[in-house]
N, C-alpha and C. Protein backbone atom coordinates (compact mmCIF):
# COMPACT_ATOMS: atom_id res chain seq x y z
N MET A 1 23.42 0.40 -21.24
CA MET A 1 22.98 -0.51 -19.80
C MET A 1 23.23 0.44 -18.63
N PRO A 2 22.26 0.28 -18.11
CA PRO A 2 22.13 1.21 -16.63
C PRO A 2 23.39 1.22 -15.83
N GLY A 3 23.69 1.95 -14.98
CA GLY A 3 24.95 1.53 -13.95
C GLY A 3 24.03 1.21 -13.13
N ALA A 4 25.09 1.32 -11.81
CA ALA A 4 24.46 0.55 -10.47
C ALA A 4 23.27 2.01 -9.97
N HIS A 5 23.72 3.07 -9.98
CA HIS A 5 22.76 4.42 -9.45
C HIS A 5 21.48 3.87 -9.98
N GLU A 6 21.37 4.16 -11.48
CA GLU A 6 20.07 4.14 -12.13
C GLU A 6 19.23 3.04 -11.52
N THR A 7 19.79 1.36 -11.44
CA THR A 7 19.44 0.18 -11.12
C THR A 7 18.69 0.37 -9.97
N ILE A 8 19.37 0.91 -9.07
CA ILE A 8 19.20 1.21 -7.20
C ILE A 8 17.66 2.41 -7.45
N GLN A 9 17.73 3.13 -8.20
CA GLN A 9 16.91 4.32 -8.30
C GLN A 9 15.78 3.71 -8.91
N ALA A 10 15.92 3.05 -9.61
CA ALA A 10 14.54 2.46 -10.38
C ALA A 10 14.03 1.32 -9.44
N ARG A 11 14.61 0.69 -8.47
CA ARG A 11 13.70 -0.14 -7.26
C ARG A 11 13.46 0.96 -6.42
N LEU A 12 13.82 1.53 -6.16
CA LEU A 12 13.42 2.44 -5.00
C LEU A 12 12.16 3.43 -5.73
N LYS A 13 12.30 4.11 -6.64
CA LYS A 13 11.39 4.59 -7.36
C LYS A 13 9.85 3.20 -7.08
N ARG A 14 9.83 2.01 -7.27
CA ARG A 14 8.76 1.10 -7.63
C ARG A 14 8.41 0.71 -5.80
N ILE A 15 9.84 0.68 -5.07
CA ILE A 15 9.64 0.36 -3.71
C ILE A 15 8.42 1.63 -2.86
N ARG A 16 9.03 2.78 -3.37
CA ARG A 16 8.31 4.12 -2.66
C ARG A 16 6.32 3.94 -3.36
N PHE A 17 6.31 3.82 -4.35
CA PHE A 17 5.15 3.93 -5.07
C PHE A 17 4.42 2.77 -4.44
N LEU A 18 4.67 1.37 -4.10
CA LEU A 18 3.79 0.36 -3.39
C LEU A 18 4.01 0.96 -1.98
N GLY A 19 4.95 1.65 -1.31
CA GLY A 19 4.48 1.84 -0.17
C GLY A 19 3.74 2.90 0.14
N ASN A 20 3.30 3.86 -0.93
CA ASN A 20 2.53 4.58 -0.55
C ASN A 20 1.41 4.67 -1.76
N GLU A 21 0.47 3.60 -1.67
CA GLU A 21 -0.08 3.34 -2.47
C GLU A 21 -1.85 3.46 -2.20
N THR A 22 -2.07 3.75 -0.71
CA THR A 22 -3.15 4.48 -0.05
C THR A 22 -3.02 5.96 0.28
N HIS A 23 -4.15 6.29 0.07
CA HIS A 23 -4.28 8.19 0.23
C HIS A 23 -3.89 8.37 1.82
N ASP A 24 -3.83 7.74 2.80
CA ASP A 24 -3.48 8.00 4.12
C ASP A 24 -1.80 7.70 4.14
N LYS A 25 -1.34 6.48 3.51
CA LYS A 25 0.35 6.43 3.53
C LYS A 25 0.68 7.63 3.07
N TRP A 26 0.48 8.02 1.74
CA TRP A 26 0.59 9.08 1.28
C TRP A 26 0.88 10.20 2.20
N GLN A 27 -0.33 10.72 2.63
CA GLN A 27 -0.40 11.68 3.31
C GLN A 27 0.62 11.61 4.50
N SER A 28 0.31 10.34 5.21
CA SER A 28 1.57 10.50 6.42
C SER A 28 2.92 10.82 5.97
N SER A 29 3.74 10.12 4.80
CA SER A 29 4.92 10.19 4.86
C SER A 29 5.36 11.83 3.89
N ILE A 30 4.12 12.62 3.24
CA ILE A 30 4.34 13.81 3.22
C ILE A 30 4.63 14.71 4.71
N ALA A 31 3.83 14.28 5.70
CA ALA A 31 3.91 15.13 6.93
C ALA A 31 5.50 14.58 7.32
N GLU A 32 5.82 13.56 6.88
CA GLU A 32 6.76 13.33 7.78
C GLU A 32 7.88 14.26 7.19
N HIS A 33 7.76 14.31 5.88
CA HIS A 33 8.68 15.52 5.10
C HIS A 33 8.75 16.78 5.35
N GLU A 34 7.59 17.24 5.38
CA GLU A 34 7.15 18.57 5.83
C GLU A 34 8.15 18.50 7.36
N GLU A 35 8.02 17.33 8.27
CA GLU A 35 8.72 17.80 9.91
C GLU A 35 10.11 17.72 9.43
N MET A 36 10.57 16.98 8.68
CA MET A 36 12.07 16.96 8.08
C MET A 36 12.51 18.48 8.06
N ILE A 37 11.75 18.64 6.90
CA ILE A 37 12.17 20.63 6.24
C ILE A 37 12.23 20.96 7.45
N ALA A 38 11.17 21.55 8.63
CA ALA A 38 10.92 22.41 9.22
C ALA A 38 12.41 22.17 10.37
N ALA A 39 12.47 21.00 10.84
CA ALA A 39 13.34 20.30 11.67
C ALA A 39 15.23 21.06 10.79
N LEU A 40 15.12 21.00 9.66
CA LEU A 40 16.25 21.56 9.15
C LEU A 40 16.40 23.21 9.20
N GLU A 41 15.06 23.61 8.80
CA GLU A 41 15.20 25.04 9.05
C GLU A 41 15.38 25.60 10.01
N LYS A 42 14.97 24.96 11.28
CA LYS A 42 15.32 25.29 12.63
C LYS A 42 16.82 25.11 12.51
N ARG A 43 17.22 24.28 12.31
CA ARG A 43 18.62 23.51 12.34
C ARG A 43 18.91 23.05 13.55
N ASP A 44 17.75 22.05 13.55
CA ASP A 44 17.56 21.10 15.14
C ASP A 44 17.83 19.77 14.76
N ALA A 45 19.25 19.10 15.08
CA ALA A 45 19.84 17.85 14.56
C ALA A 45 18.72 16.76 15.41
N ASP A 46 18.60 17.01 16.76
CA ASP A 46 17.80 16.33 17.87
C ASP A 46 16.24 16.03 16.75
N ALA A 47 15.39 16.73 16.55
CA ALA A 47 14.15 16.57 15.55
C ALA A 47 14.61 16.07 14.93
N LEU A 48 15.25 16.31 13.59
CA LEU A 48 15.73 15.74 12.52
C LEU A 48 15.91 14.18 12.57
N ALA A 49 16.96 14.07 13.33
CA ALA A 49 17.03 12.65 13.69
C ALA A 49 15.86 11.88 14.12
N GLU A 50 15.14 12.26 14.92
CA GLU A 50 13.97 11.27 15.35
C GLU A 50 13.04 11.10 14.14
N VAL A 51 12.69 12.41 13.57
CA VAL A 51 11.89 12.21 12.14
C VAL A 51 12.08 11.37 11.26
N LEU A 52 13.58 11.34 11.00
CA LEU A 52 14.21 10.29 9.92
C LEU A 52 14.24 9.26 10.79
N SER A 53 14.28 9.13 11.97
CA SER A 53 14.08 7.52 12.55
C SER A 53 12.97 7.01 12.17
N ARG A 54 11.90 7.65 12.48
CA ARG A 54 10.84 7.17 12.81
C ARG A 54 10.06 6.98 10.93
N HIS A 55 10.56 7.87 10.21
CA HIS A 55 10.10 7.99 8.84
C HIS A 55 10.41 6.61 8.30
N LEU A 56 11.92 6.51 8.46
CA LEU A 56 12.58 5.31 7.98
C LEU A 56 11.68 3.73 8.55
N ALA A 57 11.05 4.18 9.81
CA ALA A 57 10.49 3.04 10.53
C ALA A 57 9.34 2.82 9.72
N ASN A 58 8.92 3.56 9.64
CA ASN A 58 7.56 3.49 8.95
C ASN A 58 7.45 3.20 7.83
N ALA A 59 8.42 3.62 6.74
CA ALA A 59 8.62 3.24 5.00
C ALA A 59 8.77 1.79 5.36
N TYR A 60 9.92 1.43 6.29
CA TYR A 60 9.95 -0.35 6.35
C TYR A 60 8.59 -0.86 6.51
N GLU A 61 8.05 -0.47 7.49
CA GLU A 61 6.48 -1.45 7.81
C GLU A 61 5.43 -1.32 6.89
N ARG A 62 5.91 -0.35 6.12
CA ARG A 62 4.85 -0.18 5.09
C ARG A 62 5.02 -0.94 3.51
N ILE A 63 6.47 -1.48 3.59
CA ILE A 63 6.92 -2.39 2.39
C ILE A 63 7.36 -3.61 2.77
N GLU A 64 7.97 -3.56 3.94
CA GLU A 64 8.62 -5.49 4.35
C GLU A 64 7.47 -6.17 3.63
N LYS A 65 6.40 -6.22 3.71
CA LYS A 65 5.47 -7.57 2.86
C LYS A 65 5.77 -7.27 1.50
N LEU A 66 5.85 -6.37 1.16
CA LEU A 66 5.58 -5.82 -0.76
C LEU A 66 6.99 -6.66 -1.34
N VAL A 67 7.90 -6.42 -0.49
CA VAL A 67 9.27 -6.13 -1.35
C VAL A 67 9.87 -7.94 -0.68
N PRO A 68 10.05 -8.79 -2.17
CA PRO A 68 10.85 -10.35 -2.09
C PRO A 68 11.98 -10.06 -1.24
């Protein structure tokens, strides 16, 4: 029987798939992750906080109508 972590990860995997079903959405998500990496490399906490906040808001917008 899977544990809580495995169950949550399986659900998140499905949500990620649903939220990035188009090429444009996928490219946007990749660009945000690249911004996160750049902010981490620069050790720029403010830039990282901004891109993480934006990424999470965008992710929510992409999936809010898809997840019951």
